[in-house]
C-alpha cells in the first residue's frame, strides 16, 4: 500500500502536470488564432491572418488586382466565388486558388489576385 506521503506526492505531481498542459495548450491556441470567420474574402500581409488586411471585392470577377504589399495568408467565406493569388504583379508567376471556404497561409507571398467562380 502507498503511504500518505506517497499519495500526496502523486497528487501534487498530477496537479503540476495538469497545470503545465493547460498552460501549453493555451499558449498554442493563442499563437494559432485567426480573425473570426466572416462573410467575404481577405488577404493578410502576415501569416495566420495577421498584418495589414486587404478586403477582396468578390463581385469583381476576372479583374487582376496588384497589391501594394504582398499577401501571406488568405481567408475566404463565400459560396460562389474564390480567389486566385499570383506570386507576380499583374497576375503573373505561380498561381494558387483558395476555394470558396478557406483559411490558409499561402505557399509563397502573393503580389496580385483575381476573383473567379467557385
N, C-alpha and C. Protein backbone atom coordinates (compact mmCIF):
# COMPACT_ATOMS: atom_id res chain seq x y z
N UNK A 1 0.81 -1.18 0.00
CA UNK A 1 0.00 0.00 0.00
C UNK A 1 0.86 1.25 0.00
N UNK A 2 0.31 2.32 -0.53
CA UNK A 2 1.02 3.58 -0.55
C UNK A 2 0.90 4.29 0.80
N UNK A 3 1.95 4.96 1.19
CA UNK A 3 1.89 5.74 2.42
C UNK A 3 1.18 7.06 2.13
N UNK A 4 0.71 7.77 3.14
CA UNK A 4 0.05 9.05 2.93
C UNK A 4 0.96 10.05 2.22
N UNK A 5 2.28 10.02 2.51
CA UNK A 5 3.21 10.94 1.84
C UNK A 5 3.32 10.61 0.36
N UNK A 6 3.35 9.34 0.00
CA UNK A 6 3.43 8.94 -1.41
C UNK A 6 2.18 9.37 -2.16
N UNK A 7 1.01 9.22 -1.53
CA UNK A 7 -0.23 9.64 -2.16
C UNK A 7 -0.23 11.15 -2.38
N UNK A 8 0.26 11.90 -1.43
CA UNK A 8 0.32 13.35 -1.54
C UNK A 8 1.26 13.76 -2.65
N UNK A 9 2.43 13.11 -2.74
CA UNK A 9 3.39 13.43 -3.81
C UNK A 9 2.80 13.11 -5.18
N UNK A 10 2.11 12.00 -5.30
CA UNK A 10 1.48 11.62 -6.56
C UNK A 10 0.42 12.64 -6.97
N UNK A 11 -0.39 13.07 -6.01
CA UNK A 11 -1.44 14.06 -6.30
C UNK A 11 -0.81 15.39 -6.70
N UNK A 12 0.24 15.79 -6.01
CA UNK A 12 0.92 17.05 -6.33
C UNK A 12 1.54 16.98 -7.73
N UNK A 13 2.15 15.85 -8.06
CA UNK A 13 2.75 15.69 -9.39
C UNK A 13 1.68 15.74 -10.47
N UNK A 14 0.56 15.09 -10.25
CA UNK A 14 -0.53 15.09 -11.22
C UNK A 14 -1.08 16.51 -11.42
N UNK A 15 -1.22 17.25 -10.34
CA UNK A 15 -1.71 18.63 -10.43
C UNK A 15 -0.72 19.50 -11.20
N UNK A 16 0.56 19.32 -10.96
CA UNK A 16 1.59 20.09 -11.67
C UNK A 16 1.55 19.80 -13.16
N UNK A 17 1.45 18.53 -13.52
CA UNK A 17 1.37 18.15 -14.94
C UNK A 17 0.13 18.76 -15.58
N UNK A 18 -1.00 18.74 -14.90
CA UNK A 18 -2.23 19.31 -15.44
C UNK A 18 -2.07 20.81 -15.69
N UNK A 19 -1.47 21.53 -14.76
CA UNK A 19 -1.26 22.98 -14.92
C UNK A 19 -0.34 23.25 -16.11
N UNK A 20 0.73 22.48 -16.24
CA UNK A 20 1.66 22.66 -17.37
C UNK A 20 0.96 22.41 -18.69
N UNK A 21 0.18 21.33 -18.78
CA UNK A 21 -0.52 21.03 -20.02
C UNK A 21 -1.54 22.09 -20.37
N UNK A 22 -2.25 22.61 -19.39
CA UNK A 22 -3.21 23.68 -19.65
C UNK A 22 -2.48 24.91 -20.15
N UNK A 23 -1.35 25.24 -19.55
CA UNK A 23 -0.57 26.40 -19.99
C UNK A 23 -0.03 26.24 -21.39
N UNK A 24 0.46 25.06 -21.73
CA UNK A 24 0.97 24.81 -23.07
C UNK A 24 -0.15 24.89 -24.08
N UNK A 25 -1.29 24.30 -23.76
CA UNK A 25 -2.44 24.35 -24.67
C UNK A 25 -2.91 25.77 -24.91
N UNK A 26 -2.96 26.57 -23.87
CA UNK A 26 -3.40 27.96 -24.02
C UNK A 26 -2.41 28.75 -24.85
N UNK A 27 -1.14 28.52 -24.67
CA UNK A 27 -0.14 29.23 -25.46
C UNK A 27 -0.21 28.86 -26.92
N UNK A 28 -0.43 27.61 -27.21
CA UNK A 28 -0.54 27.17 -28.59
C UNK A 28 -1.78 27.75 -29.25
N UNK A 29 -2.88 27.77 -28.53
CA UNK A 29 -4.12 28.28 -29.11
C UNK A 29 -3.99 29.75 -29.47
N UNK A 30 -3.40 30.56 -28.62
CA UNK A 30 -3.30 31.98 -28.92
C UNK A 30 -2.35 32.25 -30.08
N UNK A 31 -1.35 31.41 -30.26
CA UNK A 31 -0.42 31.60 -31.36
C UNK A 31 -1.07 31.25 -32.70
N UNK A 32 -2.09 30.41 -32.69
CA UNK A 32 -2.71 29.96 -33.93
C UNK A 32 -4.04 30.66 -34.21
N UNK A 33 -4.40 31.65 -33.43
CA UNK A 33 -5.68 32.32 -33.62
C UNK A 33 -5.72 33.11 -34.92
N UNK A 34 -6.76 32.91 -35.68
CA UNK A 34 -7.06 33.68 -36.88
C UNK A 34 -8.17 34.66 -36.53
N UNK A 35 -8.36 35.70 -37.34
CA UNK A 35 -9.53 36.54 -37.12
C UNK A 35 -10.80 35.69 -37.24
N UNK A 36 -11.88 36.08 -36.60
CA UNK A 36 -13.12 35.30 -36.70
C UNK A 36 -13.57 35.19 -38.16
N UNK A 37 -14.13 34.04 -38.51
CA UNK A 37 -14.66 33.88 -39.87
C UNK A 37 -15.79 34.86 -40.09
N UNK A 38 -15.76 35.51 -41.24
CA UNK A 38 -16.84 36.41 -41.61
C UNK A 38 -17.02 36.34 -43.12
N UNK A 39 -18.22 36.58 -43.57
CA UNK A 39 -18.54 36.53 -45.00
C UNK A 39 -17.61 37.47 -45.77
N UNK A 40 -17.08 37.00 -46.88
CA UNK A 40 -16.21 37.80 -47.73
C UNK A 40 -14.87 37.13 -47.93
N UNK A 41 -13.92 37.93 -48.43
CA UNK A 41 -12.57 37.42 -48.67
C UNK A 41 -11.57 38.49 -48.24
N UNK A 42 -10.49 38.03 -47.60
CA UNK A 42 -9.50 38.94 -47.05
C UNK A 42 -8.10 38.38 -47.28
N UNK A 43 -7.20 39.25 -47.69
CA UNK A 43 -5.79 38.90 -47.83
C UNK A 43 -5.03 39.62 -46.72
N UNK A 44 -4.06 38.93 -46.12
CA UNK A 44 -3.31 39.48 -45.00
C UNK A 44 -1.83 39.54 -45.34
N UNK A 45 -1.16 40.60 -44.91
CA UNK A 45 0.27 40.75 -45.19
C UNK A 45 1.13 39.82 -44.34
N UNK A 46 0.59 39.28 -43.27
CA UNK A 46 1.33 38.35 -42.41
C UNK A 46 0.71 36.97 -42.45
N UNK A 47 1.42 36.01 -41.90
CA UNK A 47 0.88 34.65 -41.82
C UNK A 47 -0.17 34.57 -40.71
N UNK A 48 -1.02 33.55 -40.80
CA UNK A 48 -2.02 33.33 -39.75
C UNK A 48 -3.06 34.41 -39.65
N UNK A 49 -3.33 35.15 -40.73
CA UNK A 49 -4.34 36.19 -40.70
C UNK A 49 -3.93 37.43 -39.92
N UNK A 50 -2.63 37.74 -39.93
CA UNK A 50 -2.12 38.91 -39.22
C UNK A 50 -1.65 39.97 -40.22
N UNK A 51 -1.37 41.13 -39.71
CA UNK A 51 -0.83 42.21 -40.54
C UNK A 51 -1.91 43.03 -41.20
N UNK A 52 -1.51 43.75 -42.24
CA UNK A 52 -2.42 44.61 -42.98
C UNK A 52 -3.44 43.78 -43.74
N UNK A 53 -4.70 44.21 -43.72
CA UNK A 53 -5.79 43.47 -44.35
C UNK A 53 -6.19 44.16 -45.65
N UNK A 54 -6.36 43.37 -46.72
CA UNK A 54 -6.92 43.83 -47.98
C UNK A 54 -8.24 43.10 -48.17
N UNK A 55 -9.34 43.84 -48.22
CA UNK A 55 -10.64 43.21 -48.47
C UNK A 55 -10.80 43.02 -49.97
N UNK A 56 -11.18 41.83 -50.36
CA UNK A 56 -11.35 41.47 -51.77
C UNK A 56 -12.81 41.69 -52.16
N UNK A 57 -13.04 42.36 -53.30
CA UNK A 57 -14.40 42.54 -53.83
C UNK A 57 -14.78 41.28 -54.59
N UNK A 58 -15.56 40.41 -53.96
CA UNK A 58 -15.91 39.13 -54.57
C UNK A 58 -16.86 39.25 -55.75
N UNK A 59 -17.41 40.42 -55.99
CA UNK A 59 -18.27 40.65 -57.15
C UNK A 59 -17.51 41.07 -58.39
N UNK A 60 -16.22 41.32 -58.26
CA UNK A 60 -15.39 41.80 -59.37
C UNK A 60 -14.65 40.61 -60.01
N UNK A 61 -15.42 39.78 -60.74
CA UNK A 61 -14.87 38.56 -61.33
C UNK A 61 -13.89 38.87 -62.47
N UNK A 62 -12.77 38.20 -62.45
CA UNK A 62 -11.82 38.22 -63.56
C UNK A 62 -10.84 39.37 -63.61
N UNK A 63 -11.07 40.45 -62.89
CA UNK A 63 -10.18 41.60 -62.93
C UNK A 63 -8.92 41.29 -62.13
N UNK A 64 -7.76 41.59 -62.70
CA UNK A 64 -6.50 41.39 -61.98
C UNK A 64 -6.22 42.60 -61.10
N UNK A 65 -5.90 42.34 -59.84
CA UNK A 65 -5.57 43.41 -58.89
C UNK A 65 -4.14 43.19 -58.39
N UNK A 66 -3.30 44.21 -58.51
CA UNK A 66 -1.94 44.14 -57.97
C UNK A 66 -1.96 44.76 -56.58
N UNK A 67 -1.36 44.07 -55.64
CA UNK A 67 -1.34 44.51 -54.25
C UNK A 67 -0.20 45.50 -54.00
N UNK A 68 -0.42 46.44 -53.11
CA UNK A 68 0.66 47.37 -52.73
C UNK A 68 1.65 46.71 -51.78
N UNK A 69 1.22 45.67 -51.10
CA UNK A 69 2.05 44.90 -50.16
C UNK A 69 1.72 43.43 -50.37
N UNK A 70 2.72 42.57 -50.35
CA UNK A 70 2.46 41.14 -50.60
C UNK A 70 1.55 40.54 -49.53
N UNK A 71 0.76 39.56 -49.95
CA UNK A 71 -0.12 38.83 -49.05
C UNK A 71 0.52 37.50 -48.71
N UNK A 72 0.41 37.11 -47.44
CA UNK A 72 0.98 35.84 -46.98
C UNK A 72 -0.06 34.88 -46.43
N UNK A 73 -1.32 35.34 -46.28
CA UNK A 73 -2.39 34.45 -45.84
C UNK A 73 -3.72 34.97 -46.40
N UNK A 74 -4.70 34.06 -46.43
CA UNK A 74 -6.00 34.38 -47.02
C UNK A 74 -7.11 33.75 -46.20
N UNK A 75 -8.25 34.42 -46.20
CA UNK A 75 -9.46 33.88 -45.57
C UNK A 75 -10.62 34.18 -46.51
N UNK A 76 -11.35 33.13 -46.91
CA UNK A 76 -12.48 33.28 -47.82
C UNK A 76 -13.68 32.53 -47.24
N UNK A 77 -14.82 33.22 -47.17
CA UNK A 77 -16.08 32.59 -46.76
C UNK A 77 -17.13 33.07 -47.75
N UNK A 78 -17.40 32.23 -48.76
CA UNK A 78 -18.35 32.59 -49.81
C UNK A 78 -18.76 31.32 -50.53
N UNK A 79 -20.00 31.23 -50.94
CA UNK A 79 -20.45 30.02 -51.59
C UNK A 79 -20.24 29.98 -53.09
N UNK A 80 -19.97 31.14 -53.71
CA UNK A 80 -19.92 31.15 -55.17
C UNK A 80 -18.64 31.71 -55.77
N UNK A 81 -17.76 32.25 -54.96
CA UNK A 81 -16.53 32.85 -55.50
C UNK A 81 -15.32 32.39 -54.71
N UNK A 82 -14.19 32.36 -55.38
CA UNK A 82 -12.91 32.08 -54.71
C UNK A 82 -11.88 33.04 -55.25
N UNK A 83 -10.69 32.99 -54.67
CA UNK A 83 -9.62 33.92 -55.03
C UNK A 83 -8.42 33.12 -55.54
N UNK A 84 -7.87 33.58 -56.65
CA UNK A 84 -6.62 33.02 -57.16
C UNK A 84 -5.55 34.08 -56.94
N UNK A 85 -4.50 33.72 -56.22
CA UNK A 85 -3.41 34.66 -55.97
C UNK A 85 -2.20 34.26 -56.82
N UNK A 86 -1.39 35.26 -57.14
CA UNK A 86 -0.23 35.06 -58.01
C UNK A 86 1.02 35.62 -57.33
N UNK A 87 2.15 34.99 -57.58
CA UNK A 87 3.40 35.45 -56.98
C UNK A 87 3.94 36.70 -57.64
N UNK A 88 3.52 37.00 -58.85
CA UNK A 88 3.99 38.18 -59.56
C UNK A 88 2.91 39.23 -59.69
N UNK A 89 3.32 40.48 -59.94
CA UNK A 89 2.38 41.56 -60.19
C UNK A 89 1.69 41.30 -61.53
N UNK A 90 0.49 41.85 -61.70
CA UNK A 90 -0.23 41.69 -62.96
C UNK A 90 -0.71 40.28 -63.21
N UNK A 91 -0.95 39.52 -62.16
CA UNK A 91 -1.42 38.13 -62.24
C UNK A 91 -0.49 37.25 -63.06
N UNK A 92 0.80 37.37 -62.76
CA UNK A 92 1.83 36.55 -63.40
C UNK A 92 2.50 35.69 -62.34
N UNK A 93 3.30 34.75 -62.78
CA UNK A 93 4.01 33.89 -61.85
C UNK A 93 3.16 32.71 -61.43
N UNK A 94 3.56 32.07 -60.37
CA UNK A 94 2.84 30.89 -59.87
C UNK A 94 1.49 31.30 -59.30
N UNK A 95 0.48 30.45 -59.53
CA UNK A 95 -0.87 30.73 -59.04
C UNK A 95 -1.26 29.72 -57.96
N UNK A 96 -2.14 30.16 -57.07
CA UNK A 96 -2.70 29.30 -56.02
C UNK A 96 -4.15 29.71 -55.85
N UNK A 97 -5.07 28.73 -55.90
CA UNK A 97 -6.51 29.00 -55.77
C UNK A 97 -6.99 28.66 -54.37
N UNK A 98 -7.84 29.52 -53.81
CA UNK A 98 -8.27 29.37 -52.42
C UNK A 98 -9.42 28.41 -52.22
N UNK A 99 -10.36 28.35 -53.13
CA UNK A 99 -11.63 27.69 -52.87
C UNK A 99 -12.58 28.69 -52.23
N UNK A 100 -13.84 28.29 -52.04
CA UNK A 100 -14.83 29.24 -51.53
C UNK A 100 -14.94 29.28 -50.01
N UNK A 101 -14.27 28.35 -49.34
CA UNK A 101 -14.20 28.36 -47.88
C UNK A 101 -12.76 28.01 -47.53
N UNK A 102 -11.98 29.03 -47.17
CA UNK A 102 -10.55 28.81 -46.95
C UNK A 102 -10.03 29.72 -45.85
N UNK A 103 -9.05 29.21 -45.15
CA UNK A 103 -8.32 29.98 -44.15
C UNK A 103 -6.93 29.36 -44.13
N UNK A 104 -5.98 30.04 -44.80
CA UNK A 104 -4.69 29.38 -45.03
C UNK A 104 -3.56 30.38 -45.19
N UNK A 105 -2.38 29.94 -44.78
CA UNK A 105 -1.17 30.66 -45.16
C UNK A 105 -0.89 30.30 -46.61
N UNK A 106 -0.40 31.25 -47.38
CA UNK A 106 -0.11 31.00 -48.79
C UNK A 106 1.23 30.29 -48.93
N UNK A 107 1.39 29.47 -49.98
CA UNK A 107 2.65 28.75 -50.17
C UNK A 107 3.81 29.69 -50.50
N UNK A 108 3.51 30.86 -51.04
CA UNK A 108 4.51 31.89 -51.36
C UNK A 108 3.81 33.25 -51.28
N UNK A 109 4.53 34.30 -50.98
CA UNK A 109 3.90 35.63 -50.94
C UNK A 109 3.24 35.97 -52.29
N UNK A 110 2.04 36.53 -52.22
CA UNK A 110 1.29 36.88 -53.41
C UNK A 110 1.37 38.39 -53.66
N UNK A 111 1.57 38.75 -54.92
CA UNK A 111 1.63 40.16 -55.30
C UNK A 111 0.39 40.63 -56.07
N UNK A 112 -0.45 39.67 -56.49
CA UNK A 112 -1.67 40.04 -57.21
C UNK A 112 -2.71 38.93 -57.05
N UNK A 113 -3.95 39.27 -57.44
CA UNK A 113 -5.04 38.29 -57.31
C UNK A 113 -6.14 38.61 -58.29
N UNK A 114 -7.03 37.62 -58.49
CA UNK A 114 -8.29 37.83 -59.21
C UNK A 114 -9.35 36.92 -58.59
N UNK A 115 -10.60 37.34 -58.72
CA UNK A 115 -11.73 36.59 -58.21
C UNK A 115 -12.25 35.72 -59.34
N UNK A 116 -12.54 34.45 -59.03
CA UNK A 116 -13.08 33.51 -60.01
C UNK A 116 -14.29 32.80 -59.40
N UNK A 117 -15.07 32.15 -60.25
CA UNK A 117 -16.20 31.36 -59.77
C UNK A 117 -15.70 30.15 -59.00
N UNK A 118 -16.40 29.80 -57.95
CA UNK A 118 -16.00 28.65 -57.16
C UNK A 118 -16.40 27.35 -57.83
